[in-house]
C-alpha atoms as a PDB file:
ATOM      1  CA  MET A   1      33.042  -8.485   8.036  1.00  0.00           C
ATOM      2  CA  SER A   2      30.877 -10.995   9.870  1.00  0.00           C
ATOM      3  CA  SER A   3      29.342  -8.239  12.004  1.00  0.00           C
ATOM      4  CA  MET A   4      28.343  -6.374   8.846  1.00  0.00           C
ATOM      5  CA  SER A   5      26.658  -9.484   7.508  1.00  0.00           C
ATOM      6  CA  MET A   6      24.737  -9.765  10.786  1.00  0.00           C
ATOM      7  CA  VAL A   7      23.654  -6.112  10.780  1.00  0.00           C
ATOM      8  CA  SER A   8      22.805  -5.932   7.091  1.00  0.00           C
ATOM      9  CA  PRO A   9      19.574  -8.004   7.164  1.00  0.00           C
ATOM     10  CA  LEU A  10      18.213  -5.975  10.075  1.00  0.00           C
ATOM     11  CA  THR A  11      19.122  -2.709   8.394  1.00  0.00           C
ATOM     12  CA  THR A  12      17.532  -3.847   5.152  1.00  0.00           C
ATOM     13  CA  ALA A  13      14.377  -4.925   6.974  1.00  0.00           C
ATOM     14  CA  LEU A  14      14.100  -1.546   8.697  1.00  0.00           C
ATOM     15  CA  MET A  15      14.647   0.230   5.384  1.00  0.00           C
ATOM     16  CA  SER A  16      11.928  -1.906   3.810  1.00  0.00           C
ATOM     17  CA  VAL A  17       9.488  -0.953   6.579  1.00  0.00           C
ATOM     18  CA  ALA A  18      10.385   2.742   6.355  1.00  0.00           C
ATOM     19  CA  MET A  19       9.986   2.768   2.573  1.00  0.00           C
ATOM     20  CA  MET A  20       6.655   0.932   2.774  1.00  0.00           C
ATOM     21  CA  VAL A  21       5.222   3.416   5.272  1.00  0.00           C
ATOM     22  CA  ALA A  22       6.618   6.380   3.321  1.00  0.00           C
ATOM     23  CA  MET A  23       5.092   5.012   0.125  1.00  0.00           C
ATOM     24  CA  MET A  24       1.617   5.190   1.675  1.00  0.00           C
ATOM     25  CA  LEU A  25       1.926   8.685   3.168  1.00  0.00           C
ATOM     26  CA  PRO A  26       0.803  10.646   0.070  1.00  0.00           C
ATOM     27  CA  SER A  27      -2.386   8.588  -0.245  1.00  0.00           C
ATOM     28  CA  ILE A  28      -3.311   8.798   3.457  1.00  0.00           C
ATOM     29  CA  ALA A  29      -2.519  12.508   3.910  1.00  0.00           C
ATOM     30  CA  PRO A  30      -5.971  13.797   2.768  1.00  0.00           C
ATOM     31  CA  THR A  31      -7.725  11.343   5.107  1.00  0.00           C
ATOM     32  CA  LEU A  32      -5.586  12.436   8.046  1.00  0.00           C
ATOM     33  CA  TRP A  33      -6.381  16.063   7.278  1.00  0.00           C
ATOM     34  CA  ARG A  34     -10.137  15.332   7.144  1.00  0.00           C
ATOM     35  CA  HIS A  35      -9.881  13.304  10.336  1.00  0.00           C
ATOM     36  CA  HIS A  36      -8.161  16.103  12.247  1.00  0.00           C
ATOM     37  CA  ARG A  37     -10.508  18.758  10.835  1.00  0.00           C
ATOM     38  CA  GLN A  38     -13.584  16.798  11.893  1.00  0.00           C
ATOM     39  CA  LEU A  39     -12.204  16.321  15.398  1.00  0.00           C
ATOM     40  CA  ARG A  40     -11.656  20.064  15.702  1.00  0.00           C
ATOM     41  CA  ILE A  41     -15.093  20.907  14.285  1.00  0.00           C
ATOM     42  CA  MET A  42     -16.670  18.666  16.914  1.00  0.00           C
ATOM     43  CA  ARG A  43     -14.448  20.243  19.587  1.00  0.00           C
ATOM     44  CA  THR A  44     -12.987  16.887  20.516  1.00  0.00           C
ATOM     45  CA  VAL A  45     -10.440  16.984  23.325  1.00  0.00           C
ATOM     46  CA  HIS A  46      -6.836  16.313  22.234  1.00  0.00           C
ATOM     47  CA  ALA A  47      -7.625  16.348  18.501  1.00  0.00           C
ATOM     48  CA  GLY A  48      -3.938  16.465  17.572  1.00  0.00           C
ATOM     49  CA  PRO A  49      -2.801  13.468  19.668  1.00  0.00           C
ATOM     50  CA  ARG A  50      -5.854  11.480  18.541  1.00  0.00           C
ATOM     51  CA  THR A  51      -4.967  12.128  14.922  1.00  0.00           C
ATOM     52  CA  VAL A  52      -1.378  11.052  15.594  1.00  0.00           C
ATOM     53  CA  LEU A  53      -2.620   7.823  17.171  1.00  0.00           C
ATOM     54  CA  PHE A  54      -4.951   7.255  14.234  1.00  0.00           C
ATOM     55  CA  ALA A  55      -1.995   7.709  11.854  1.00  0.00           C
ATOM     56  CA  SER A  56       0.165   5.437  14.028  1.00  0.00           C
ATOM     57  CA  GLY A  57      -2.395   2.650  13.791  1.00  0.00           C
ATOM     58  CA  TYR A  58      -2.467   3.011  10.020  1.00  0.00           C
ATOM     59  CA  ALA A  59       1.345   3.069   9.788  1.00  0.00           C
ATOM     60  CA  SER A  60       1.700   0.044  12.069  1.00  0.00           C
ATOM     61  CA  VAL A  61      -0.342  -2.091   9.681  1.00  0.00           C
ATOM     62  CA  TRP A  62       1.881  -1.112   6.775  1.00  0.00           C
ATOM     63  CA  ALA A  63       4.990  -1.683   8.895  1.00  0.00           C
ATOM     64  CA  VAL A  64       3.835  -5.257   9.473  1.00  0.00           C
ATOM     65  CA  ILE A  65       3.224  -5.676   5.738  1.00  0.00           C
ATOM     66  CA  GLY A  66       6.711  -4.349   4.996  1.00  0.00           C
ATOM     67  CA  LEU A  67       8.270  -6.834   7.428  1.00  0.00           C
ATOM     68  CA  ALA A  68       6.199  -9.701   6.034  1.00  0.00           C
ATOM     69  CA  LEU A  69       7.157  -8.945   2.435  1.00  0.00           C
ATOM     70  CA  PHE A  70      10.807  -8.630   3.442  1.00  0.00           C
ATOM     71  CA  ALA A  71      10.661 -11.990   5.247  1.00  0.00           C
ATOM     72  CA  MET A  72       9.147 -13.657   2.164  1.00  0.00           C
ATOM     73  CA  SER A  73      11.607 -12.099  -0.297  1.00  0.00           C
ATOM     74  CA  THR A  74      13.974 -14.518  -1.979  1.00  0.00           C
ATOM     75  CA  GLU A  75      17.446 -14.446  -3.462  1.00  0.00           C
ATOM     76  CA  PRO A  76      17.940 -14.869  -6.361  1.00  0.00           C
ATOM     77  CA  PRO A  77      14.825 -12.974  -7.519  1.00  0.00           C
ATOM     78  CA  PHE A  78      11.772 -14.631  -9.007  1.00  0.00           C
ATOM     79  CA  PRO A  79      12.130 -16.371 -12.402  1.00  0.00           C
ATOM     80  CA  ALA A  80      10.983 -14.167 -15.262  1.00  0.00           C
ATOM     81  CA  TRP A  81       7.979 -16.359 -16.058  1.00  0.00           C
ATOM     82  CA  ALA A  82       6.803 -16.326 -12.428  1.00  0.00           C
ATOM     83  CA  ALA A  83       7.149 -12.546 -12.236  1.00  0.00           C
ATOM     84  CA  GLY A  84       5.162 -12.253 -15.468  1.00  0.00           C
ATOM     85  CA  VAL A  85       2.362 -14.424 -14.080  1.00  0.00           C
ATOM     86  CA  VAL A  86       2.190 -12.323 -10.886  1.00  0.00           C
ATOM     87  CA  VAL A  87       2.030  -9.095 -12.911  1.00  0.00           C
ATOM     88  CA  LEU A  88      -0.712 -10.609 -15.101  1.00  0.00           C
ATOM     89  CA  PHE A  89      -2.681 -11.639 -12.033  1.00  0.00           C
ATOM     90  CA  GLY A  90      -2.156  -8.213 -10.486  1.00  0.00           C
ATOM     91  CA  GLY A  91      -3.515  -6.565 -13.615  1.00  0.00           C
ATOM     92  CA  ALA A  92      -6.599  -8.784 -13.559  1.00  0.00           C
ATOM     93  CA  VAL A  93      -7.216  -7.955  -9.884  1.00  0.00           C
ATOM     94  CA  GLN A  94      -6.853  -4.218 -10.564  1.00  0.00           C
ATOM     95  CA  ARG A  95      -9.625  -4.429 -13.150  1.00  0.00           C
ATOM     96  CA  SER A  96     -11.953  -6.603 -11.052  1.00  0.00           C
ATOM     97  CA  ARG A  97     -15.138  -5.681  -9.212  1.00  0.00           C
ATOM     98  CA  TRP A  98     -13.475  -6.905  -6.009  1.00  0.00           C
ATOM     99  CA  LYS A  99     -10.781  -4.252  -6.412  1.00  0.00           C
ATOM    100  CA  ALA A 100     -13.362  -1.528  -7.096  1.00  0.00           C
ATOM    101  CA  GLU A 101     -15.270  -2.456  -3.945  1.00  0.00           C
ATOM    102  CA  ARG A 102     -12.099  -2.534  -1.806  1.00  0.00           C
ATOM    103  CA  LEU A 103     -10.967   0.802  -3.223  1.00  0.00           C
ATOM    104  CA  LEU A 104     -14.309   2.473  -2.533  1.00  0.00           C
ATOM    105  CA  ARG A 105     -14.323   1.147   1.028  1.00  0.00           C
ATOM    106  CA  CYS A 106     -10.813   2.473   1.541  1.00  0.00           C
ATOM    107  CA  ARG A 107     -11.663   5.851   0.007  1.00  0.00           C
ATOM    108  CA  ASP A 108     -14.867   6.183   2.026  1.00  0.00           C
ATOM    109  CA  ALA A 109     -13.319   5.138   5.322  1.00  0.00           C
ATOM    110  CA  CYS A 110     -13.102   7.812   7.998  1.00  0.00           C
ATOM    111  CA  VAL A 111     -14.866  10.503   6.000  1.00  0.00           C
ATOM    112  CA  PRO A 112     -16.060  13.606   7.921  1.00  0.00           C
ATOM    113  CA  GLU A 113     -19.251  11.831   9.024  1.00  0.00           C
ATOM    114  CA  MET A 114     -17.206   9.214  10.895  1.00  0.00           C
ATOM    115  CA  PRO A 115     -17.930   8.547  14.584  1.00  0.00           C
ATOM    116  CA  ILE A 116     -15.457  10.172  16.932  1.00  0.00           C
ATOM    117  CA  ALA A 117     -13.117   7.847  18.780  1.00  0.00           C
ATOM    118  CA  ARG A 118     -14.070   7.555  22.433  1.00  0.00           C
ATOM    119  CA  ASN A 119     -10.519   7.035  23.713  1.00  0.00           C
ATOM    120  CA  VAL A 120      -6.944   6.786  22.543  1.00  0.00           C
ATOM    121  CA  THR A 121      -7.145   3.019  22.077  1.00  0.00           C
ATOM    122  CA  THR A 122     -10.156   3.433  19.810  1.00  0.00           C
ATOM    123  CA  ALA A 123      -8.307   6.051  17.755  1.00  0.00           C
ATOM    124  CA  TRP A 124      -5.408   3.644  17.226  1.00  0.00           C
ATOM    125  CA  ARG A 125      -7.751   0.763  16.358  1.00  0.00           C
ATOM    126  CA  GLU A 126      -9.588   2.923  13.825  1.00  0.00           C
ATOM    127  CA  GLY A 127      -6.249   3.690  12.175  1.00  0.00           C
ATOM    128  CA  CYS A 128      -5.483  -0.030  12.064  1.00  0.00           C
ATOM    129  CA  ARG A 129      -8.887  -0.718  10.536  1.00  0.00           C
ATOM    130  CA  LEU A 130      -8.245   1.793   7.772  1.00  0.00           C
ATOM    131  CA  GLY A 131      -4.798   0.277   7.277  1.00  0.00           C
ATOM    132  CA  VAL A 132      -6.280  -3.177   6.755  1.00  0.00           C
ATOM    133  CA  GLU A 133      -8.821  -1.816   4.259  1.00  0.00           C
ATOM    134  CA  CYS A 134      -6.051  -0.113   2.320  1.00  0.00           C
ATOM    135  CA  VAL A 135      -3.821  -3.199   2.396  1.00  0.00           C
ATOM    136  CA  LEU A 136      -6.629  -5.168   0.752  1.00  0.00           C
ATOM    137  CA  SER A 137      -7.145  -2.389  -1.791  1.00  0.00           C
ATOM    138  CA  CYS A 138      -3.420  -2.362  -2.593  1.00  0.00           C
ATOM    139  CA  ALA A 139      -2.982  -6.139  -2.825  1.00  0.00           C
ATOM    140  CA  ALA A 140      -2.259  -6.106  -6.572  1.00  0.00           C
ATOM    141  CA  PRO A 141       0.307  -3.254  -6.539  1.00  0.00           C
ATOM    142  CA  MET A 142       2.035  -4.866  -3.540  1.00  0.00           C
ATOM    143  CA  ALA A 143       2.284  -8.187  -5.387  1.00  0.00           C
ATOM    144  CA  VAL A 144       3.865  -6.459  -8.378  1.00  0.00           C
ATOM    145  CA  LEU A 145       6.263  -4.573  -6.109  1.00  0.00           C
ATOM    146  CA  PHE A 146       7.177  -7.834  -4.381  1.00  0.00           C
ATOM    147  CA  VAL A 147       8.248  -9.593  -7.566  1.00  0.00           C
ATOM    148  CA  ALA A 148       9.866  -6.452  -9.021  1.00  0.00           C
ATOM    149  CA  GLY A 149      12.032  -5.924  -5.949  1.00  0.00           C
ATOM    150  CA  LEU A 150      11.075  -4.360  -2.623  1.00  0.00           C
ATOM    151  CA  MET A 151      14.126  -2.105  -2.576  1.00  0.00           C
ATOM    152  CA  ASP A 152      13.769  -0.913  -6.180  1.00  0.00           C
ATOM    153  CA  THR A 153      13.084   2.792  -5.641  1.00  0.00           C
ATOM    154  CA  ARG A 154      11.936   3.313  -9.238  1.00  0.00           C
ATOM    155  CA  VAL A 155       9.210   0.677  -8.976  1.00  0.00           C
ATOM    156  CA  MET A 156       8.252   1.961  -5.536  1.00  0.00           C
ATOM    157  CA  LEU A 157       7.902   5.492  -6.906  1.00  0.00           C
ATOM    158  CA  VAL A 158       5.649   4.262  -9.712  1.00  0.00           C
ATOM    159  CA  MET A 159       3.528   2.341  -7.198  1.00  0.00           C
ATOM    160  CA  THR A 160       3.307   5.385  -4.926  1.00  0.00           C
ATOM    161  CA  VAL A 161       2.004   7.539  -7.769  1.00  0.00           C
ATOM    162  CA  ALA A 162      -0.478   4.883  -8.916  1.00  0.00           C
ATOM    163  CA  ILE A 163      -1.822   4.167  -5.419  1.00  0.00           C
ATOM    164  CA  THR A 164      -2.112   7.862  -4.578  1.00  0.00           C
ATOM    165  CA  ALA A 165      -3.904   8.606  -7.848  1.00  0.00           C
ATOM    166  CA  GLU A 166      -6.485   5.843  -7.446  1.00  0.00           C
ATOM    167  CA  ARG A 167      -7.029   6.762  -3.794  1.00  0.00           C
ATOM    168  CA  VAL A 168      -7.260  10.560  -4.121  1.00  0.00           C
ATOM    169  CA  ALA A 169      -8.522  11.316  -7.634  1.00  0.00           C
ATOM    170  CA  PRO A 170     -12.310  11.459  -8.203  1.00  0.00           C
ATOM    171  CA  THR A 171     -11.910   8.870 -10.973  1.00  0.00           C
ATOM    172  CA  GLY A 172      -9.989   6.443  -8.764  1.00  0.00           C
ATOM    173  CA  VAL A 173     -11.728   3.290  -9.996  1.00  0.00           C
ATOM    174  CA  ARG A 174     -11.015   4.215 -13.629  1.00  0.00           C
ATOM    175  CA  ILE A 175      -7.374   4.838 -12.746  1.00  0.00           C
ATOM    176  CA  ALA A 176      -7.206   1.400 -11.120  1.00  0.00           C
ATOM    177  CA  ARG A 177      -8.644  -0.190 -14.240  1.00  0.00           C
ATOM    178  CA  LEU A 178      -6.137   1.705 -16.399  1.00  0.00           C
ATOM    179  CA  THR A 179      -3.165   0.592 -14.319  1.00  0.00           C
ATOM    180  CA  GLY A 180      -4.609  -2.907 -14.452  1.00  0.00           C
ATOM    181  CA  ALA A 181      -4.622  -2.808 -18.238  1.00  0.00           C
ATOM    182  CA  VAL A 182      -1.000  -1.639 -18.250  1.00  0.00           C
ATOM    183  CA  ALA A 183      -0.068  -4.476 -15.867  1.00  0.00           C
ATOM    184  CA  LEU A 184      -1.860  -7.031 -18.041  1.00  0.00           C
ATOM    185  CA  LEU A 185       0.082  -5.885 -21.087  1.00  0.00           C
ATOM    186  CA  ALA A 186       3.387  -5.821 -19.191  1.00  0.00           C
ATOM    187  CA  GLY A 187       2.771  -9.262 -17.693  1.00  0.00           C
ATOM    188  CA  PHE A 188       1.887 -10.700 -21.098  1.00  0.00           C
ATOM    189  CA  VAL A 189       5.100  -9.326 -22.601  1.00  0.00           C
ATOM    190  CA  MET A 190       7.135 -10.629 -19.649  1.00  0.00           C
ATOM    191  CA  CYS A 191       5.668 -14.119 -20.079  1.00  0.00           C
ATOM    192  CA  LEU A 192       6.391 -14.118 -23.820  1.00  0.00           C
ATOM    193  CA  ARG A 193       9.977 -13.087 -23.214  1.00  0.00           C
ATOM    194  CA  ALA A 194      10.365 -15.730 -20.530  1.00  0.00           C
ATOM    195  CA  VAL A 195       9.442 -18.494 -22.970  1.00  0.00           C
ATOM    196  CA  GLY A 196      11.720 -17.084 -25.637  1.00  0.00           C
ATOM    197  CA  VAL A 197       9.157 -15.342 -27.851  1.00  0.00           C
ATOM    198  CA  SER A 198      10.521 -11.965 -28.996  1.00  0.00           C
END
């Protein structure tokens, strides 16, 4: 029984990392495709391995985020009022100019006009750079996921759809503002319920 209790946190941490990386795959897939296509168009040597390294750099950033969020998670979960405040703040961030700028930088990163990586280390670093840009762009959804429960697959699925839509759709900024409005409403309701207002 004690061995299970020792293994469980590690297993949960690894699951959190795997789910975090998997959550970002749909939104990064078009960028990886464009990256690989551009490498092949420019007849770059080892286009496939370079693309894999680029993707590995991106995934490593999100793996670190998954571990950090897991390390900061608390039991019991956040009080209802605190969760409501975080969701409210997340909604405000989603609708801000800062979010729009971060999203555009993330969407425009590594487009077909990008410079070709000179070596494998550069390819990995470029993936990390994109990962950092996307982490900043996804700060609000990650905060909501954190207070809702990292291992809640339903919330994670909703976040995956929202992040993918704002990243891939032509109207990504409008989608971000819409999800922000939904979060503001949800956070307001959560705060009212927390103080006993029905």
